[in-house]
Amino acid sequence: MSDTALRPTRSAPATPAFRPPGRARQVRTMVWRNLKHIRRQPEMLADVTIQPIMFVVLFAFVFGGSIRTPGSGYREWLLPGIMAQTMAFSSFVVAIGLTADIDRGIVDRFRSLPISRSSVLVGRSLSSLMHSSIGVVVMSVTGLVIGWRIREGVVNALLAFGLLLLFGFAMIWVGILVGSTFTSVEAVNGFMFTTMFPITFLANTFAPTDNMLPWLRTIAEWNPISSLVQSLRQLWGNAPEAPASAAWPMHHPVVVTVVWSIGIALVFAPLALRAFVKRTEG
């Protein structure tokens, strides 16, 4: 018998079982991927840098002398409204970005990876929230330059910024639903312009609701944008409490904003996920 026959055979090393990355890592990777686009295309920051400064300066100096507001003046009264509008427009940004990814086949490539559908959407929502937060920082600095101040302490200031982020996160799911439903960036642009602009202007964003027609004032004061803006003004000390004639949400703006934000997220997040799966698998 030969030595070869007596030599024990060596079994091939076992291939380690593949383990897909955890959900947190999937989301983190998607967030980083979206943020890298901003670094490579800095013009994407125009809507949260140049545009907020333009809005603040134009409204403060063009309309500041003709609109009477309660509190410390129109400039302080204005900043919470523009910040709320910026967070509402976060739905606009995420809708366009998601539609572009689907059209370019990026999402089809994600489907070939061992990751969940929800991680793609959560990563997109968190990166869009970070993107919109840059605009809030820019507006805060601009506001401080033109005379805006926070007058109610650190705790209330942080609570107000937290409400902004919570509302922005809820509105992002509206954008994901729109981006998953419409088939082109042009269609998303048209739809979001015709819906988001009236919603943000039909509120106490840039002018008081006191002088509106009664039925229009009711709509404006029940608008979730109005409760958010009123919350910011009271928490930052930029305006007094709502008058007795105001609608119920204006007297409990913080609670109403939290309820609106959670409600919008609970309704639109499942719809957005379902529309995204249908769009990408159809």
Protein backbone atom coordinates (compact mmCIF):
# COMPACT_ATOMS: atom_id res chain seq x y z
CA MET A 1 0.00 0.00 0.00
CA SER A 2 1.42 3.39 -0.95
CA ASP A 3 2.09 6.28 1.36
CA THR A 4 -0.50 8.28 -0.52
CA ALA A 5 -3.21 5.85 0.36
CA LEU A 6 -2.24 5.92 4.04
CA ARG A 7 -2.08 9.73 4.22
CA PRO A 8 -5.26 11.17 5.74
CA THR A 9 -7.27 13.33 3.43
CA ARG A 10 -7.85 16.96 4.33
CA SER A 11 -11.38 18.22 4.03
CA ALA A 12 -11.93 21.57 2.36
CA PRO A 13 -12.43 24.41 4.83
CA ALA A 14 -16.09 25.10 5.48
CA THR A 15 -17.38 28.27 3.87
CA PRO A 16 -18.70 30.55 6.61
CA ALA A 17 -22.40 31.16 6.41
CA PHE A 18 -23.25 34.56 5.00
CA ARG A 19 -24.95 36.87 7.43
CA PRO A 20 -26.61 39.95 6.01
CA PRO A 21 -25.83 43.21 7.81
CA GLY A 22 -28.14 44.23 10.61
CA ARG A 23 -30.93 46.72 10.10
CA ALA A 24 -29.04 49.53 11.85
CA ARG A 25 -26.02 49.04 9.61
CA GLN A 26 -28.21 48.98 6.51
CA VAL A 27 -29.82 52.27 7.46
CA ARG A 28 -26.45 53.81 8.35
CA THR A 29 -25.04 52.82 4.97
CA MET A 30 -28.01 54.30 3.14
CA VAL A 31 -27.72 57.55 5.08
CA TRP A 32 -24.01 57.78 4.28
CA ARG A 33 -24.68 57.06 0.61
CA ASN A 34 -27.22 59.90 0.39
CA LEU A 35 -24.99 62.34 2.27
CA LYS A 36 -22.08 61.61 -0.06
CA HIS A 37 -24.19 62.93 -2.92
CA ILE A 38 -24.31 66.29 -1.14
CA ARG A 39 -20.53 66.33 -0.78
CA ARG A 40 -20.06 65.54 -4.46
CA GLN A 41 -22.82 67.88 -5.60
CA PRO A 42 -22.71 70.90 -3.25
CA GLU A 43 -25.30 72.68 -5.37
CA MET A 44 -27.83 70.39 -3.67
CA LEU A 45 -27.39 72.61 -0.60
CA ALA A 46 -28.78 75.67 -2.37
CA ASP A 47 -32.31 75.03 -1.09
CA VAL A 48 -31.14 74.96 2.54
CA THR A 49 -28.50 77.71 2.39
CA ILE A 50 -29.21 80.38 -0.21
CA GLN A 51 -32.99 80.00 -0.26
CA PRO A 52 -33.52 80.35 3.53
CA ILE A 53 -31.34 83.44 3.66
CA MET A 54 -33.24 84.91 0.72
CA PHE A 55 -36.61 84.21 2.37
CA VAL A 56 -35.55 85.66 5.71
CA VAL A 57 -34.09 88.83 4.24
CA LEU A 58 -36.89 89.46 1.73
CA PHE A 59 -39.76 88.91 4.15
CA ALA A 60 -38.07 90.70 7.04
CA PHE A 61 -37.19 93.87 5.12
CA VAL A 62 -39.88 93.94 2.41
CA PHE A 63 -42.93 92.97 4.46
CA GLY A 64 -41.62 93.82 7.92
CA GLY A 65 -42.83 97.40 7.79
CA SER A 66 -46.34 96.63 6.52
CA ILE A 67 -47.44 93.65 8.62
CA ARG A 68 -48.34 94.26 12.24
CA THR A 69 -47.68 91.37 14.57
CA PRO A 70 -47.89 90.85 18.34
CA GLY A 71 -44.70 90.46 20.31
CA SER A 72 -41.22 91.85 19.70
CA GLY A 73 -41.66 92.75 16.06
CA TYR A 74 -42.09 91.10 12.68
CA ARG A 75 -38.54 89.78 12.38
CA GLU A 76 -38.80 87.67 15.51
CA TRP A 77 -42.33 86.68 14.60
CA LEU A 78 -41.21 85.66 11.10
CA LEU A 79 -38.36 83.24 11.85
CA PRO A 80 -40.48 80.40 13.30
CA GLY A 81 -42.74 80.54 10.24
CA ILE A 82 -39.88 80.24 7.76
CA MET A 83 -38.32 77.41 9.76
CA ALA A 84 -41.60 75.51 9.77
CA GLN A 85 -41.93 76.02 6.03
CA THR A 86 -38.42 74.67 5.49
CA MET A 87 -39.22 71.48 7.42
CA ALA A 88 -42.46 71.07 5.48
CA PHE A 89 -40.48 71.37 2.25
CA SER A 90 -38.34 68.42 3.36
CA SER A 91 -41.07 66.29 1.81
CA PHE A 92 -40.31 68.04 -1.49
CA VAL A 93 -36.62 67.15 -1.34
CA VAL A 94 -37.11 63.48 -0.50
CA ALA A 95 -39.81 63.03 -3.15
CA ILE A 96 -37.54 64.33 -5.92
CA GLY A 97 -34.53 62.33 -4.70
CA LEU A 98 -36.44 59.07 -4.43
CA THR A 99 -38.07 59.48 -7.85
CA ALA A 100 -34.67 60.15 -9.41
CA ASP A 101 -33.20 57.03 -7.79
CA ILE A 102 -36.03 54.89 -9.11
CA ASP A 103 -35.78 56.34 -12.62
CA ARG A 104 -32.01 55.80 -12.77
CA GLY A 105 -32.27 52.16 -11.70
CA ILE A 106 -30.47 52.73 -8.39
CA VAL A 107 -33.29 51.09 -6.45
CA ASP A 108 -33.17 48.06 -8.78
CA ARG A 109 -29.54 47.60 -7.77
CA PHE A 110 -30.54 47.79 -4.11
CA ARG A 111 -33.03 44.98 -4.72
CA SER A 112 -30.18 42.66 -5.64
CA LEU A 113 -28.56 43.25 -2.25
CA PRO A 114 -29.48 41.41 0.97
CA ILE A 115 -31.12 44.46 2.53
CA SER A 116 -34.68 45.27 3.46
CA ARG A 117 -36.91 47.66 1.56
CA SER A 118 -37.56 49.68 4.70
CA SER A 119 -33.85 50.40 5.25
CA VAL A 120 -33.72 52.20 1.91
CA LEU A 121 -36.64 54.42 2.90
CA VAL A 122 -35.54 55.03 6.50
CA GLY A 123 -32.05 55.91 5.28
CA ARG A 124 -33.54 58.31 2.76
CA SER A 125 -35.77 59.90 5.41
CA LEU A 126 -32.96 60.40 7.93
CA SER A 127 -30.57 61.87 5.36
CA SER A 128 -33.30 64.24 4.15
CA LEU A 129 -33.95 65.28 7.74
CA MET A 130 -30.25 66.07 8.17
CA HIS A 131 -30.35 67.99 4.90
CA SER A 132 -33.28 70.11 6.06
CA SER A 133 -31.67 70.64 9.47
CA ILE A 134 -28.84 72.49 7.74
CA GLY A 135 -31.43 75.01 6.57
CA VAL A 136 -32.67 75.48 10.14
CA VAL A 137 -29.11 76.18 11.31
CA VAL A 138 -28.55 78.65 8.47
CA MET A 139 -31.81 80.45 9.23
CA SER A 140 -31.01 80.57 12.93
CA VAL A 141 -27.70 82.28 12.25
CA THR A 142 -29.32 84.64 9.75
CA GLY A 143 -32.07 85.41 12.23
CA LEU A 144 -29.60 86.24 14.97
CA VAL A 145 -27.91 88.67 12.60
CA ILE A 146 -31.15 90.55 11.82
CA GLY A 147 -32.40 90.63 15.41
CA TRP A 148 -34.17 87.35 16.18
CA ARG A 149 -33.65 86.07 19.72
CA ILE A 150 -34.57 83.06 21.87
CA ARG A 151 -36.03 84.45 25.10
CA GLU A 152 -37.42 81.47 27.03
CA GLY A 153 -34.36 79.48 28.06
CA VAL A 154 -32.40 76.48 26.83
CA VAL A 155 -34.98 73.80 27.65
CA ASN A 156 -37.78 75.48 25.71
CA ALA A 157 -35.38 76.24 22.86
CA LEU A 158 -34.37 72.58 22.55
CA LEU A 159 -38.01 71.49 22.78
CA ALA A 160 -38.87 73.81 19.88
CA PHE A 161 -36.06 72.45 17.72
CA GLY A 162 -37.16 68.93 18.63
CA LEU A 163 -40.68 69.71 17.41
CA LEU A 164 -39.20 70.93 14.14
CA LEU A 165 -37.34 67.65 13.64
CA LEU A 166 -40.37 65.57 14.61
CA PHE A 167 -42.63 67.40 12.17
CA GLY A 168 -39.98 67.25 9.45
CA PHE A 169 -39.63 63.49 9.90
CA ALA A 170 -43.40 63.08 9.52
CA MET A 171 -43.52 65.23 6.38
CA ILE A 172 -40.69 63.22 4.84
CA TRP A 173 -42.97 60.18 4.71
CA VAL A 174 -45.44 62.25 2.73
CA GLY A 175 -42.64 62.95 0.27
CA ILE A 176 -41.70 59.26 0.10
CA LEU A 177 -45.29 58.42 -0.78
CA VAL A 178 -45.33 61.05 -3.52
CA GLY A 179 -41.93 59.98 -4.84
CA SER A 180 -43.04 56.34 -4.95
CA THR A 181 -46.31 57.16 -6.69
CA PHE A 182 -45.33 59.56 -9.47
CA THR A 183 -43.16 58.32 -12.32
CA SER A 184 -41.10 61.41 -13.15
CA VAL A 185 -39.34 64.27 -11.41
CA GLU A 186 -41.43 66.76 -13.42
CA ALA A 187 -44.66 65.23 -12.12
CA VAL A 188 -43.35 65.36 -8.55
CA ASN A 189 -42.36 69.01 -9.00
CA GLY A 190 -45.79 69.94 -10.32
CA PHE A 191 -47.69 68.10 -7.60
CA MET A 192 -45.59 69.32 -4.69
CA PHE A 193 -45.65 72.94 -5.82
CA THR A 194 -49.43 72.94 -6.14
CA THR A 195 -49.92 71.35 -2.71
CA MET A 196 -47.09 72.38 -0.39
CA PHE A 197 -47.07 76.08 -1.21
CA PRO A 198 -50.78 76.62 -0.43
CA ILE A 199 -50.46 74.54 2.74
CA THR A 200 -47.52 76.55 4.05
CA PHE A 201 -49.02 79.93 3.13
CA LEU A 202 -52.58 79.15 4.31
CA ALA A 203 -51.40 79.33 7.91
CA ASN A 204 -49.96 81.78 10.38
CA THR A 205 -46.57 81.35 8.70
CA PHE A 206 -46.04 84.87 7.33
CA ALA A 207 -49.07 86.84 8.49
CA PRO A 208 -51.44 86.68 11.48
CA THR A 209 -54.72 84.85 10.99
CA ASP A 210 -56.76 87.44 12.93
CA ASN A 211 -57.78 89.44 9.87
CA MET A 212 -58.65 86.49 7.63
CA LEU A 213 -62.22 85.68 6.69
CA PRO A 214 -63.81 83.56 9.44
CA TRP A 215 -63.96 80.33 7.41
CA LEU A 216 -60.44 80.87 6.06
CA ARG A 217 -59.13 81.61 9.55
CA THR A 218 -60.59 78.34 10.82
CA ILE A 219 -58.85 76.38 8.08
CA ALA A 220 -55.57 78.19 8.70
CA GLU A 221 -55.61 77.67 12.47
CA TRP A 222 -56.37 73.95 12.15
CA ASN A 223 -53.52 73.62 9.67
CA PRO A 224 -50.72 71.57 11.32
CA ILE A 225 -48.22 74.17 10.09
CA SER A 226 -49.96 76.79 12.24
CA SER A 227 -49.76 74.73 15.42
CA LEU A 228 -46.05 74.10 14.79
CA VAL A 229 -45.37 77.80 14.16
CA GLN A 230 -47.34 78.85 17.24
CA SER A 231 -45.40 76.31 19.31
CA LEU A 232 -42.09 77.72 18.14
CA ARG A 233 -43.12 81.32 18.79
CA GLN A 234 -44.27 80.58 22.32
CA LEU A 235 -41.34 78.33 23.23
CA TRP A 236 -38.83 80.85 21.91
CA GLY A 237 -40.69 83.83 23.38
CA ASN A 238 -41.20 85.50 20.00
CA ALA A 239 -44.96 86.09 20.41
CA PRO A 240 -47.57 85.98 23.16
CA GLU A 241 -50.18 83.26 23.52
CA ALA A 242 -52.96 83.11 20.95
CA PRO A 243 -55.95 85.41 21.50
CA ALA A 244 -59.14 84.02 22.99
CA SER A 245 -60.85 84.12 19.59
CA ALA A 246 -58.31 81.68 18.07
CA ALA A 247 -59.16 78.06 17.38
CA TRP A 248 -58.45 75.33 19.93
CA PRO A 249 -55.13 74.16 18.37
CA MET A 250 -53.67 77.63 18.83
CA HIS A 251 -54.22 77.37 22.61
CA HIS A 252 -52.52 73.95 22.87
CA PRO A 253 -49.96 74.16 20.05
CA VAL A 254 -47.26 71.86 21.46
CA VAL A 255 -49.62 68.96 22.15
CA VAL A 256 -51.38 69.45 18.81
CA THR A 257 -48.06 69.51 16.93
CA VAL A 258 -46.95 66.25 18.53
CA VAL A 259 -50.30 64.61 17.75
CA TRP A 260 -50.26 65.88 14.15
CA SER A 261 -46.68 64.69 13.61
CA ILE A 262 -47.25 61.21 15.03
CA GLY A 263 -50.54 60.89 13.18
CA ILE A 264 -49.05 61.91 9.84
CA ALA A 265 -46.16 59.46 10.29
CA LEU A 266 -48.44 56.59 11.31
CA VAL A 267 -50.73 57.14 8.32
CA PHE A 268 -48.21 57.91 5.60
CA ALA A 269 -45.31 55.61 6.53
CA PRO A 270 -47.20 52.35 5.79
CA LEU A 271 -48.72 53.87 2.65
CA ALA A 272 -45.28 55.02 1.50
CA LEU A 273 -43.73 51.60 2.10
CA ARG A 274 -46.56 49.87 0.23
CA ALA A 275 -46.30 52.29 -2.71
CA PHE A 276 -42.52 51.91 -2.82
CA VAL A 277 -42.71 48.10 -2.90
CA LYS A 278 -45.41 48.20 -5.57
CA ARG A 279 -43.45 50.67 -7.69
CA THR A 280 -40.12 48.83 -7.47
CA GLU A 281 -41.53 45.34 -7.94
CA GLY A 282 -44.13 46.19 -10.56
